[in-house]
C-alpha atoms as a PDB file:
ATOM      1  CA  MET A   1      30.825  34.987  25.558  1.00  0.00           C
ATOM      2  CA  CYS A   2      30.926  31.416  24.270  1.00  0.00           C
ATOM      3  CA  HIS A   3      30.784  30.166  27.864  1.00  0.00           C
ATOM      4  CA  LEU A   4      27.295  31.659  28.132  1.00  0.00           C
ATOM      5  CA  PHE A   5      26.149  29.430  25.278  1.00  0.00           C
ATOM      6  CA  ALA A   6      28.355  26.426  26.007  1.00  0.00           C
ATOM      7  CA  SER A   7      27.252  26.192  29.620  1.00  0.00           C
ATOM      8  CA  GLN A   8      23.570  25.651  28.852  1.00  0.00           C
ATOM      9  CA  SER A   9      22.026  22.371  29.868  1.00  0.00           C
ATOM     10  CA  PRO A  10      22.159  19.707  27.135  1.00  0.00           C
ATOM     11  CA  GLU A  11      18.449  19.071  27.762  1.00  0.00           C
ATOM     12  CA  THR A  12      17.634  22.418  26.118  1.00  0.00           C
ATOM     13  CA  TYR A  13      19.006  21.313  22.762  1.00  0.00           C
ATOM     14  CA  GLU A  14      18.026  17.660  22.964  1.00  0.00           C
ATOM     15  CA  THR A  15      15.594  16.886  20.154  1.00  0.00           C
ATOM     16  CA  HIS A  16      12.082  15.637  20.749  1.00  0.00           C
ATOM     17  CA  THR A  17       9.678  14.265  18.185  1.00  0.00           C
ATOM     18  CA  ARG A  18       5.980  15.013  18.462  1.00  0.00           C
ATOM     19  CA  SER A  19       3.132  13.823  16.315  1.00  0.00           C
ATOM     20  CA  VAL A  20       0.695  16.445  15.076  1.00  0.00           C
ATOM     21  CA  ARG A  21      -2.288  16.338  12.756  1.00  0.00           C
ATOM     22  CA  ILE A  22      -1.960  18.758   9.850  1.00  0.00           C
ATOM     23  CA  GLY A  23      -4.465  18.821   7.030  1.00  0.00           C
ATOM     24  CA  GLY A  24      -6.037  15.594   8.228  1.00  0.00           C
ATOM     25  CA  HIS A  25      -2.712  13.740   8.202  1.00  0.00           C
ATOM     26  CA  VAL A  26      -0.603  12.778  11.191  1.00  0.00           C
ATOM     27  CA  THR A  27       3.013  13.814  10.816  1.00  0.00           C
ATOM     28  CA  SER A  28       6.029  13.926  13.091  1.00  0.00           C
ATOM     29  CA  LEU A  29       8.010  17.052  13.854  1.00  0.00           C
ATOM     30  CA  ARG A  30      11.440  16.954  15.474  1.00  0.00           C
ATOM     31  CA  LEU A  31      12.598  20.067  17.302  1.00  0.00           C
ATOM     32  CA  GLU A  32      14.896  20.887  20.169  1.00  0.00           C
ATOM     33  CA  ALA A  33      13.227  21.012  23.595  1.00  0.00           C
ATOM     34  CA  VAL A  34      13.682  24.775  23.921  1.00  0.00           C
ATOM     35  CA  PHE A  35      11.743  25.334  20.680  1.00  0.00           C
ATOM     36  CA  TRP A  36       8.858  23.145  21.867  1.00  0.00           C
ATOM     37  CA  ASP A  37       8.748  25.217  25.064  1.00  0.00           C
ATOM     38  CA  ILE A  38       8.618  28.478  23.118  1.00  0.00           C
ATOM     39  CA  LEU A  39       5.965  27.127  20.736  1.00  0.00           C
ATOM     40  CA  GLU A  40       3.813  26.094  23.699  1.00  0.00           C
ATOM     41  CA  GLU A  41       4.126  29.615  25.109  1.00  0.00           C
ATOM     42  CA  LEU A  42       3.424  31.227  21.734  1.00  0.00           C
ATOM     43  CA  ALA A  43       0.327  29.082  21.183  1.00  0.00           C
ATOM     44  CA  ALA A  44      -0.947  29.855  24.687  1.00  0.00           C
ATOM     45  CA  ASP A  45      -0.446  33.581  24.062  1.00  0.00           C
ATOM     46  CA  GLN A  46      -2.673  33.207  21.026  1.00  0.00           C
ATOM     47  CA  GLY A  47      -5.295  31.287  23.002  1.00  0.00           C
ATOM     48  CA  MET A  48      -4.688  28.072  21.089  1.00  0.00           C
ATOM     49  CA  SER A  49      -3.429  24.605  21.766  1.00  0.00           C
ATOM     50  CA  LEU A  50      -0.060  23.788  20.258  1.00  0.00           C
ATOM     51  CA  GLY A  51      -1.706  21.487  17.730  1.00  0.00           C
ATOM     52  CA  ARG A  52      -4.172  24.164  16.651  1.00  0.00           C
ATOM     53  CA  PHE A  53      -1.428  26.783  16.339  1.00  0.00           C
ATOM     54  CA  VAL A  54       0.816  24.520  14.246  1.00  0.00           C
ATOM     55  CA  THR A  55      -2.100  23.556  11.982  1.00  0.00           C
ATOM     56  CA  ARG A  56      -3.179  27.155  11.527  1.00  0.00           C
ATOM     57  CA  LEU A  57       0.368  28.279  10.744  1.00  0.00           C
ATOM     58  CA  HIS A  58       0.749  25.477   8.204  1.00  0.00           C
ATOM     59  CA  ASP A  59      -2.572  26.382   6.556  1.00  0.00           C
ATOM     60  CA  GLU A  60      -1.660  30.065   6.348  1.00  0.00           C
ATOM     61  CA  VAL A  61       1.739  29.310   4.799  1.00  0.00           C
ATOM     62  CA  LEU A  62       0.025  27.095   2.222  1.00  0.00           C
ATOM     63  CA  GLU A  63      -2.409  29.882   1.443  1.00  0.00           C
ATOM     64  CA  LEU A  64       0.343  32.492   1.069  1.00  0.00           C
ATOM     65  CA  HIS A  65       3.031  30.455  -0.694  1.00  0.00           C
ATOM     66  CA  GLY A  66       1.310  27.412  -2.211  1.00  0.00           C
ATOM     67  CA  ASP A  67       3.558  24.943  -0.400  1.00  0.00           C
ATOM     68  CA  VAL A  68       5.333  24.521   2.897  1.00  0.00           C
ATOM     69  CA  ARG A  69       9.013  23.761   2.564  1.00  0.00           C
ATOM     70  CA  ASN A  70      11.002  22.796   5.643  1.00  0.00           C
ATOM     71  CA  PHE A  71       8.235  23.336   8.175  1.00  0.00           C
ATOM     72  CA  THR A  72      10.455  22.608  11.180  1.00  0.00           C
ATOM     73  CA  SER A  73      12.815  25.406  10.128  1.00  0.00           C
ATOM     74  CA  LEU A  74       9.813  27.696   9.790  1.00  0.00           C
ATOM     75  CA  LEU A  75       8.783  26.778  13.349  1.00  0.00           C
ATOM     76  CA  ARG A  76      12.278  27.575  14.649  1.00  0.00           C
ATOM     77  CA  CYS A  77      12.206  30.954  12.876  1.00  0.00           C
ATOM     78  CA  CYS A  78       8.765  31.679  14.361  1.00  0.00           C
ATOM     79  CA  CYS A  79      10.236  31.035  17.797  1.00  0.00           C
ATOM     80  CA  LEU A  80      13.122  33.407  17.129  1.00  0.00           C
ATOM     81  CA  LYS A  81      10.764  36.137  15.896  1.00  0.00           C
ATOM     82  CA  TYR A  82       8.567  35.597  18.939  1.00  0.00           C
ATOM     83  CA  VAL A  83      11.345  35.886  21.502  1.00  0.00           C
ATOM     84  CA  SER A  84      12.929  38.842  19.708  1.00  0.00           C
ATOM     85  CA  GLY A  85       9.876  41.059  19.732  1.00  0.00           C
ATOM     86  CA  LEU A  86       6.474  39.461  19.814  1.00  0.00           C
ATOM     87  CA  ARG A  87       6.692  37.864  23.262  1.00  0.00           C
ATOM     88  CA  PRO A  88       4.970  39.786  26.044  1.00  0.00           C
ATOM     89  CA  VAL A  89       7.455  41.967  27.908  1.00  0.00           C
ATOM     90  CA  ALA A  90       6.387  40.841  31.389  1.00  0.00           C
ATOM     91  CA  SER A  91       4.025  38.262  32.779  1.00  0.00           C
ATOM     92  CA  GLY A  92       0.434  39.367  32.402  1.00  0.00           C
ATOM     93  CA  GLU A  93       1.101  42.004  29.745  1.00  0.00           C
ATOM     94  CA  ALA A  94      -0.467  41.804  26.318  1.00  0.00           C
ATOM     95  CA  PRO A  95       1.833  40.731  23.483  1.00  0.00           C
ATOM     96  CA  ALA A  96       3.515  43.538  21.571  1.00  0.00           C
ATOM     97  CA  PHE A  97       1.845  42.130  18.436  1.00  0.00           C
ATOM     98  CA  ASP A  98      -1.360  40.118  18.349  1.00  0.00           C
ATOM     99  CA  LEU A  99      -1.012  37.391  15.722  1.00  0.00           C
ATOM    100  CA  VAL A 100      -4.733  36.631  15.671  1.00  0.00           C
ATOM    101  CA  ALA A 101      -5.699  40.285  15.182  1.00  0.00           C
ATOM    102  CA  ALA A 102      -3.126  40.671  12.405  1.00  0.00           C
ATOM    103  CA  GLU A 103      -4.993  38.346  10.057  1.00  0.00           C
END
């Protein structure tokens, strides 16, 4: 089983830093390439740009919890939730759960 995980391309877990504007401030987020890919897909599924999705998520967490601790970990967990059940089953199908409609 470990071979399945060990044999993946190092590019998938190489970190990349991107600048995003959140709350009027530019900040940098560092995530592994695979997480950026999933976030791009997730944002597209919601009809948003990546920047808009990240900003909206940040704003909603602030509204719900009053602060945002460890935002990059939150983004990774969002990716895991997405691939474990929210991602559309096949190309062209609607997501199992519509994040925009759930507001």
